[in-house]
Amino acid sequence: MAQTDSRLVSQLLAVSTPNVSDALDRLGIEGAPQGILPIYPCAKIAGPAATLKVVPFGQAEESIVLGTLRAIVKGGAGSVLVVDGSENPHINSFGGVAGATAKHNGLVGCVSDAVVRDVDEYKVYGMPVYCKGIAQQSVRGRSACAGYGMEIRLGGVRVRPGDYILADDNGTVVIPHERIAEVITFAQKVRATEERVIAEIRAGADPIEAHQRVNYDNMLKAHA
């Protein structure tokens, strides 16, 4: 079961995925999968990853339905279900029963690099879901579970159980758990710097000079 640090979660929720992406750039960390977006206007989410690997039917023995439910239960309260559906990207990777089960078990949301279905149901019980699109067909007979609680890929980015996920209107980022403190620190610096620049511009400062004063172009370079 993933261990959730409420202080870290609060700090992540106070910044944006662009702030974190900038921090990842500064630190040389790959953690910004592309195109994993909210499937409806839902809550921003942050928490440790509970992982699931989906493959085409016949390539693994375990039922995708049961495997998904086991991954959810194993993840536990406060975690984010992270689904690697890259080998079967056009088949539903998360559905209504799984969403209801995740909600009941206290998971804060799901991110997937494949498609999902039952969006109307997520809206009813308030399950935030981020993915690459919507499908209506069942996963049964089309996918299998290759494992859960294991290292996977999300849009090509490595995700291990316990790595932190942040997802908002701009997309999804992955933060290695052992780098979380330094990533948050620099993300906070990015946010504060940009808020300062905006405040100066609104107060009448020349926008070019406002950017130059904070060395904005070089902010993500290691020596800046």
C-alpha atoms as a PDB file:
ATOM      1  CA  MET A   1       0.000   0.000   0.000  1.00  0.00           C
ATOM      2  CA  ALA A   2       1.369   3.413  -0.971  1.00  0.00           C
ATOM      3  CA  GLN A   3       2.416   5.701   1.872  1.00  0.00           C
ATOM      4  CA  THR A   4       0.925   9.168   1.462  1.00  0.00           C
ATOM      5  CA  ASP A   5       2.673  12.193   2.976  1.00  0.00           C
ATOM      6  CA  SER A   6      -0.074  14.787   3.415  1.00  0.00           C
ATOM      7  CA  ARG A   7       2.465  17.635   3.656  1.00  0.00           C
ATOM      8  CA  LEU A   8       3.987  16.751   0.282  1.00  0.00           C
ATOM      9  CA  VAL A   9       0.556  16.376  -1.273  1.00  0.00           C
ATOM     10  CA  SER A  10      -0.477  19.829  -0.024  1.00  0.00           C
ATOM     11  CA  GLN A  11       2.721  21.364  -1.388  1.00  0.00           C
ATOM     12  CA  LEU A  12       2.164  19.744  -4.779  1.00  0.00           C
ATOM     13  CA  LEU A  13      -1.433  20.915  -4.945  1.00  0.00           C
ATOM     14  CA  ALA A  14      -0.206  24.475  -4.341  1.00  0.00           C
ATOM     15  CA  VAL A  15       1.835  24.486  -7.568  1.00  0.00           C
ATOM     16  CA  SER A  16       0.957  23.576 -11.164  1.00  0.00           C
ATOM     17  CA  THR A  17       2.167  20.874 -13.520  1.00  0.00           C
ATOM     18  CA  PRO A  18       3.985  23.565 -15.578  1.00  0.00           C
ATOM     19  CA  ASN A  19       5.770  24.677 -12.377  1.00  0.00           C
ATOM     20  CA  VAL A  20       6.788  21.080 -11.688  1.00  0.00           C
ATOM     21  CA  SER A  21       7.735  20.467 -15.317  1.00  0.00           C
ATOM     22  CA  ASP A  22      10.066  23.471 -15.119  1.00  0.00           C
ATOM     23  CA  ALA A  23      11.592  22.036 -11.951  1.00  0.00           C
ATOM     24  CA  LEU A  24      12.092  18.676 -13.652  1.00  0.00           C
ATOM     25  CA  ASP A  25      13.829  20.451 -16.554  1.00  0.00           C
ATOM     26  CA  ARG A  26      16.114  22.310 -14.148  1.00  0.00           C
ATOM     27  CA  LEU A  27      17.037  19.066 -12.356  1.00  0.00           C
ATOM     28  CA  GLY A  28      17.416  16.977 -15.504  1.00  0.00           C
ATOM     29  CA  ILE A  29      14.595  14.586 -14.618  1.00  0.00           C
ATOM     30  CA  GLU A  30      12.323  12.997 -17.212  1.00  0.00           C
ATOM     31  CA  GLY A  31       8.811  13.268 -15.874  1.00  0.00           C
ATOM     32  CA  ALA A  32       6.453  15.004 -18.280  1.00  0.00           C
ATOM     33  CA  PRO A  33       4.386  12.555 -20.361  1.00  0.00           C
ATOM     34  CA  GLN A  34       2.409  14.366 -23.032  1.00  0.00           C
ATOM     35  CA  GLY A  35      -1.317  14.375 -23.737  1.00  0.00           C
ATOM     36  CA  ILE A  36      -2.603  12.882 -20.473  1.00  0.00           C
ATOM     37  CA  LEU A  37      -5.384  15.352 -19.739  1.00  0.00           C
ATOM     38  CA  PRO A  38      -8.576  15.579 -17.648  1.00  0.00           C
ATOM     39  CA  ILE A  39     -11.335  13.665 -19.387  1.00  0.00           C
ATOM     40  CA  TYR A  40     -13.922  16.060 -17.915  1.00  0.00           C
ATOM     41  CA  PRO A  41     -13.576  19.225 -15.750  1.00  0.00           C
ATOM     42  CA  CYS A  42     -12.398  17.453 -12.611  1.00  0.00           C
ATOM     43  CA  ALA A  43     -10.296  18.106  -9.539  1.00  0.00           C
ATOM     44  CA  LYS A  44      -6.543  18.559  -9.543  1.00  0.00           C
ATOM     45  CA  ILE A  45      -4.927  15.493  -7.975  1.00  0.00           C
ATOM     46  CA  ALA A  46      -1.645  14.589  -6.278  1.00  0.00           C
ATOM     47  CA  GLY A  47      -0.433  11.462  -4.535  1.00  0.00           C
ATOM     48  CA  PRO A  48       1.831   8.437  -4.693  1.00  0.00           C
ATOM     49  CA  ALA A  49       1.461   6.075  -7.640  1.00  0.00           C
ATOM     50  CA  ALA A  50      -0.322   2.731  -7.470  1.00  0.00           C
ATOM     51  CA  THR A  51       0.669   1.088 -10.736  1.00  0.00           C
ATOM     52  CA  LEU A  52      -1.074  -1.220 -13.223  1.00  0.00           C
ATOM     53  CA  LYS A  53       0.198  -2.703 -16.504  1.00  0.00           C
ATOM     54  CA  VAL A  54      -2.328  -3.509 -19.258  1.00  0.00           C
ATOM     55  CA  VAL A  55      -1.494  -5.665 -22.297  1.00  0.00           C
ATOM     56  CA  PRO A  56      -3.525  -7.130 -25.174  1.00  0.00           C
ATOM     57  CA  PHE A  57      -5.695 -10.147 -24.397  1.00  0.00           C
ATOM     58  CA  GLY A  58      -3.728 -13.392 -24.464  1.00  0.00           C
ATOM     59  CA  GLN A  59      -0.389 -11.806 -23.577  1.00  0.00           C
ATOM     60  CA  ALA A  60      -0.873 -12.314 -19.837  1.00  0.00           C
ATOM     61  CA  GLU A  61      -2.857 -14.768 -17.730  1.00  0.00           C
ATOM     62  CA  GLU A  62      -4.542 -12.517 -15.175  1.00  0.00           C
ATOM     63  CA  SER A  63      -7.998 -11.065 -15.768  1.00  0.00           C
ATOM     64  CA  ILE A  64      -7.768  -7.340 -16.424  1.00  0.00           C
ATOM     65  CA  VAL A  65     -10.949  -6.826 -14.407  1.00  0.00           C
ATOM     66  CA  LEU A  66      -9.624  -8.619 -11.319  1.00  0.00           C
ATOM     67  CA  GLY A  67      -6.099  -7.279 -11.777  1.00  0.00           C
ATOM     68  CA  THR A  68      -7.396  -3.705 -11.861  1.00  0.00           C
ATOM     69  CA  LEU A  69      -9.402  -4.236  -8.674  1.00  0.00           C
ATOM     70  CA  ARG A  70      -6.370  -5.775  -6.959  1.00  0.00           C
ATOM     71  CA  ALA A  71      -4.212  -2.834  -8.028  1.00  0.00           C
ATOM     72  CA  ILE A  72      -6.747  -0.429  -6.549  1.00  0.00           C
ATOM     73  CA  VAL A  73      -6.965  -2.269  -3.234  1.00  0.00           C
ATOM     74  CA  LYS A  74      -3.178  -2.592  -3.041  1.00  0.00           C
ATOM     75  CA  GLY A  75      -2.751   1.135  -3.738  1.00  0.00           C
ATOM     76  CA  GLY A  76      -5.037   2.265  -0.949  1.00  0.00           C
ATOM     77  CA  ALA A  77      -6.256   5.609   0.286  1.00  0.00           C
ATOM     78  CA  GLY A  78      -4.509   8.723  -0.974  1.00  0.00           C
ATOM     79  CA  SER A  79      -2.857   7.070  -3.955  1.00  0.00           C
ATOM     80  CA  VAL A  80      -3.290   7.704  -7.683  1.00  0.00           C
ATOM     81  CA  LEU A  81      -3.918   4.708  -9.925  1.00  0.00           C
ATOM     82  CA  VAL A  82      -1.419   4.924 -12.799  1.00  0.00           C
ATOM     83  CA  VAL A  83      -2.290   2.751 -15.798  1.00  0.00           C
ATOM     84  CA  ASP A  84       0.265   1.803 -18.430  1.00  0.00           C
ATOM     85  CA  GLY A  85      -1.976   1.051 -21.387  1.00  0.00           C
ATOM     86  CA  SER A  86       0.645   1.783 -24.018  1.00  0.00           C
ATOM     87  CA  GLU A  87       0.484  -1.708 -25.522  1.00  0.00           C
ATOM     88  CA  ASN A  88      -3.291  -1.492 -25.980  1.00  0.00           C
ATOM     89  CA  PRO A  89      -3.902   2.259 -26.232  1.00  0.00           C
ATOM     90  CA  HIS A  90      -7.271   2.220 -28.008  1.00  0.00           C
ATOM     91  CA  ILE A  91      -8.957  -0.156 -25.575  1.00  0.00           C
ATOM     92  CA  ASN A  92     -10.662   1.028 -22.394  1.00  0.00           C
ATOM     93  CA  SER A  93      -8.183   0.977 -19.501  1.00  0.00           C
ATOM     94  CA  PHE A  94     -10.424   2.199 -16.655  1.00  0.00           C
ATOM     95  CA  GLY A  95     -14.179   1.927 -16.318  1.00  0.00           C
ATOM     96  CA  GLY A  96     -17.107   2.681 -14.053  1.00  0.00           C
ATOM     97  CA  VAL A  97     -16.827  -0.270 -11.672  1.00  0.00           C
ATOM     98  CA  ALA A  98     -13.096   0.348 -11.273  1.00  0.00           C
ATOM     99  CA  GLY A  99     -13.792   4.042 -10.711  1.00  0.00           C
ATOM    100  CA  ALA A 100     -16.401   3.336  -8.043  1.00  0.00           C
ATOM    101  CA  THR A 101     -14.051   0.865  -6.365  1.00  0.00           C
ATOM    102  CA  ALA A 102     -11.213   3.394  -6.428  1.00  0.00           C
ATOM    103  CA  LYS A 103     -13.486   6.047  -4.927  1.00  0.00           C
ATOM    104  CA  HIS A 104     -14.667   3.649  -2.214  1.00  0.00           C
ATOM    105  CA  ASN A 105     -11.068   2.744  -1.337  1.00  0.00           C
ATOM    106  CA  GLY A 106      -9.985   6.357  -1.043  1.00  0.00           C
ATOM    107  CA  LEU A 107      -7.847   6.727  -4.177  1.00  0.00           C
ATOM    108  CA  VAL A 108      -7.694  10.351  -5.294  1.00  0.00           C
ATOM    109  CA  GLY A 109      -7.858   9.655  -9.040  1.00  0.00           C
ATOM    110  CA  CYS A 110      -6.563   7.766 -12.049  1.00  0.00           C
ATOM    111  CA  VAL A 111      -4.108   8.659 -14.818  1.00  0.00           C
ATOM    112  CA  SER A 112      -3.745   6.494 -17.925  1.00  0.00           C
ATOM    113  CA  ASP A 113      -1.848   6.727 -21.192  1.00  0.00           C
ATOM    114  CA  ALA A 114      -4.700   4.910 -22.945  1.00  0.00           C
ATOM    115  CA  VAL A 115      -8.438   5.589 -23.251  1.00  0.00           C
ATOM    116  CA  VAL A 116     -11.195   5.139 -20.652  1.00  0.00           C
ATOM    117  CA  ARG A 117     -14.980   4.876 -20.602  1.00  0.00           C
ATOM    118  CA  ASP A 118     -17.979   5.536 -18.296  1.00  0.00           C
ATOM    119  CA  VAL A 119     -17.142   9.219 -17.950  1.00  0.00           C
ATOM    120  CA  ASP A 120     -20.721   9.967 -16.911  1.00  0.00           C
ATOM    121  CA  GLU A 121     -20.248   7.707 -13.895  1.00  0.00           C
ATOM    122  CA  TYR A 122     -17.002   9.417 -12.811  1.00  0.00           C
ATOM    123  CA  LYS A 123     -18.887  12.704 -12.812  1.00  0.00           C
ATOM    124  CA  VAL A 124     -21.599  11.312 -10.513  1.00  0.00           C
ATOM    125  CA  TYR A 125     -19.261  10.057  -7.784  1.00  0.00           C
ATOM    126  CA  GLY A 126     -16.485  12.586  -8.337  1.00  0.00           C
ATOM    127  CA  MET A 127     -13.567  10.464  -9.543  1.00  0.00           C
ATOM    128  CA  PRO A 128     -10.900  12.585 -11.299  1.00  0.00           C
ATOM    129  CA  VAL A 129      -9.579  10.783 -14.387  1.00  0.00           C
ATOM    130  CA  TYR A 130      -6.791  11.887 -16.727  1.00  0.00           C
ATOM    131  CA  CYS A 131      -6.124   9.983 -19.943  1.00  0.00           C
ATOM    132  CA  LYS A 132      -5.762  10.220 -23.733  1.00  0.00           C
ATOM    133  CA  GLY A 133      -9.374   9.828 -24.803  1.00  0.00           C
ATOM    134  CA  ILE A 134     -12.678   7.982 -24.503  1.00  0.00           C
ATOM    135  CA  ALA A 135     -13.827   4.578 -25.761  1.00  0.00           C
ATOM    136  CA  GLN A 136     -17.162   2.832 -25.317  1.00  0.00           C
ATOM    137  CA  GLN A 137     -16.141  -0.830 -25.733  1.00  0.00           C
ATOM    138  CA  SER A 138     -15.543  -3.214 -22.849  1.00  0.00           C
ATOM    139  CA  VAL A 139     -12.057  -4.233 -21.763  1.00  0.00           C
ATOM    140  CA  ARG A 140     -13.280  -7.822 -21.320  1.00  0.00           C
ATOM    141  CA  GLY A 141     -11.789 -10.132 -23.938  1.00  0.00           C
ATOM    142  CA  ARG A 142      -9.579  -7.321 -25.254  1.00  0.00           C
ATOM    143  CA  SER A 143      -6.964  -6.781 -22.527  1.00  0.00           C
ATOM    144  CA  ALA A 144      -5.159  -8.668 -19.777  1.00  0.00           C
ATOM    145  CA  CYS A 145      -3.327  -7.638 -16.613  1.00  0.00           C
ATOM    146  CA  ALA A 146       0.462  -7.987 -16.830  1.00  0.00           C
ATOM    147  CA  GLY A 147       0.952  -6.934 -13.218  1.00  0.00           C
ATOM    148  CA  TYR A 148       0.453  -4.239 -10.606  1.00  0.00           C
ATOM    149  CA  GLY A 149       2.567  -2.710  -7.869  1.00  0.00           C
ATOM    150  CA  MET A 150       5.494  -2.787 -10.308  1.00  0.00           C
ATOM    151  CA  GLU A 151       7.564  -0.400 -12.391  1.00  0.00           C
ATOM    152  CA  ILE A 152       5.653   0.711 -15.488  1.00  0.00           C
ATOM    153  CA  ARG A 153       5.719   3.487 -18.095  1.00  0.00           C
ATOM    154  CA  LEU A 154       3.245   6.342 -18.413  1.00  0.00           C
ATOM    155  CA  GLY A 155       3.507   7.910 -21.841  1.00  0.00           C
ATOM    156  CA  GLY A 156       7.056   6.597 -21.974  1.00  0.00           C
ATOM    157  CA  VAL A 157       8.027   7.987 -18.554  1.00  0.00           C
ATOM    158  CA  ARG A 158       9.131   5.569 -15.840  1.00  0.00           C
ATOM    159  CA  VAL A 159       6.760   5.250 -12.878  1.00  0.00           C
ATOM    160  CA  ARG A 160       7.462   3.163  -9.791  1.00  0.00           C
ATOM    161  CA  PRO A 161       5.052   2.510  -6.932  1.00  0.00           C
ATOM    162  CA  GLY A 162       5.348   5.465  -4.563  1.00  0.00           C
ATOM    163  CA  ASP A 163       6.592   7.966  -7.152  1.00  0.00           C
ATOM    164  CA  TYR A 164       4.476  11.112  -6.934  1.00  0.00           C
ATOM    165  CA  ILE A 165       1.879  12.112  -9.517  1.00  0.00           C
ATOM    166  CA  LEU A 166       0.467  15.588 -10.052  1.00  0.00           C
ATOM    167  CA  ALA A 167      -2.290  16.151 -12.615  1.00  0.00           C
ATOM    168  CA  ASP A 168      -4.211  19.309 -13.469  1.00  0.00           C
ATOM    169  CA  ASP A 169      -5.719  21.131 -16.456  1.00  0.00           C
ATOM    170  CA  ASN A 170      -2.286  21.331 -18.124  1.00  0.00           C
ATOM    171  CA  GLY A 171      -1.526  17.604 -17.991  1.00  0.00           C
ATOM    172  CA  THR A 172       0.284  15.106 -15.804  1.00  0.00           C
ATOM    173  CA  VAL A 173       3.771  14.923 -14.295  1.00  0.00           C
ATOM    174  CA  VAL A 174       5.695  12.141 -12.578  1.00  0.00           C
ATOM    175  CA  ILE A 175       8.155  12.882  -9.762  1.00  0.00           C
ATOM    176  CA  PRO A 176      10.622  10.237  -8.527  1.00  0.00           C
ATOM    177  CA  HIS A 177       9.913   9.765  -4.834  1.00  0.00           C
ATOM    178  CA  GLU A 178      13.580  10.222  -3.884  1.00  0.00           C
ATOM    179  CA  ARG A 179      13.666  13.653  -5.626  1.00  0.00           C
ATOM    180  CA  ILE A 180      10.327  14.977  -4.409  1.00  0.00           C
ATOM    181  CA  ALA A 181      11.663  17.568  -1.938  1.00  0.00           C
ATOM    182  CA  GLU A 182      14.020  19.282  -4.382  1.00  0.00           C
ATOM    183  CA  VAL A 183      11.434  19.227  -7.166  1.00  0.00           C
ATOM    184  CA  ILE A 184       8.850  20.902  -4.933  1.00  0.00           C
ATOM    185  CA  THR A 185      11.377  23.491  -3.764  1.00  0.00           C
ATOM    186  CA  PHE A 186      12.245  24.562  -7.292  1.00  0.00           C
ATOM    187  CA  ALA A 187       8.598  24.408  -8.456  1.00  0.00           C
ATOM    188  CA  GLN A 188       7.749  26.828  -5.641  1.00  0.00           C
ATOM    189  CA  LYS A 189      10.571  29.111  -6.782  1.00  0.00           C
ATOM    190  CA  VAL A 190       9.259  29.056 -10.364  1.00  0.00           C
ATOM    191  CA  ARG A 191       5.739  29.898  -9.220  1.00  0.00           C
ATOM    192  CA  ALA A 192       6.928  32.743  -6.971  1.00  0.00           C
ATOM    193  CA  THR A 193       9.128  34.187  -9.727  1.00  0.00           C
ATOM    194  CA  GLU A 194       6.330  34.165 -12.292  1.00  0.00           C
ATOM    195  CA  GLU A 195       3.889  35.704  -9.814  1.00  0.00           C
ATOM    196  CA  ARG A 196       6.438  38.455  -9.139  1.00  0.00           C
ATOM    197  CA  VAL A 197       6.840  39.186 -12.861  1.00  0.00           C
ATOM    198  CA  ILE A 198       3.075  39.317 -13.401  1.00  0.00           C
ATOM    199  CA  ALA A 199       2.614  41.607 -10.376  1.00  0.00           C
ATOM    200  CA  GLU A 200       5.286  44.000 -11.673  1.00  0.00           C
ATOM    201  CA  ILE A 201       3.718  44.097 -15.140  1.00  0.00           C
ATOM    202  CA  ARG A 202       0.290  44.804 -13.661  1.00  0.00           C
ATOM    203  CA  ALA A 203       1.857  47.582 -11.599  1.00  0.00           C
ATOM    204  CA  GLY A 204       3.111  49.252 -14.780  1.00  0.00           C
ATOM    205  CA  ALA A 205       6.637  47.850 -15.164  1.00  0.00           C
ATOM    206  CA  ASP A 206       8.115  47.312 -18.589  1.00  0.00           C
ATOM    207  CA  PRO A 207       7.467  43.586 -19.266  1.00  0.00           C
ATOM    208  CA  ILE A 208      10.872  43.030 -20.840  1.00  0.00           C
ATOM    209  CA  GLU A 209      12.678  44.611 -17.902  1.00  0.00           C
ATOM    210  CA  ALA A 210      10.534  42.637 -15.454  1.00  0.00           C
ATOM    211  CA  HIS A 211      11.658  39.407 -17.110  1.00  0.00           C
ATOM    212  CA  GLN A 212      15.281  40.485 -17.265  1.00  0.00           C
ATOM    213  CA  ARG A 213      15.325  41.352 -13.561  1.00  0.00           C
ATOM    214  CA  VAL A 214      14.616  37.731 -12.652  1.00  0.00           C
ATOM    215  CA  ASN A 215      16.876  36.281 -15.373  1.00  0.00           C
ATOM    216  CA  TYR A 216      13.793  34.477 -16.694  1.00  0.00           C
ATOM    217  CA  ASP A 217      15.347  33.025 -19.856  1.00  0.00           C
ATOM    218  CA  ASN A 218      18.072  31.318 -17.833  1.00  0.00           C
ATOM    219  CA  MET A 219      16.003  30.308 -14.812  1.00  0.00           C
ATOM    220  CA  LEU A 220      15.986  26.626 -15.747  1.00  0.00           C
ATOM    221  CA  LYS A 221      19.726  26.416 -16.283  1.00  0.00           C
ATOM    222  CA  ALA A 222      21.714  24.796 -13.483  1.00  0.00           C
ATOM    223  CA  HIS A 223      23.947  27.832 -12.956  1.00  0.00           C
ATOM    224  CA  ALA A 224      21.092  30.330 -12.738  1.00  0.00           C
END
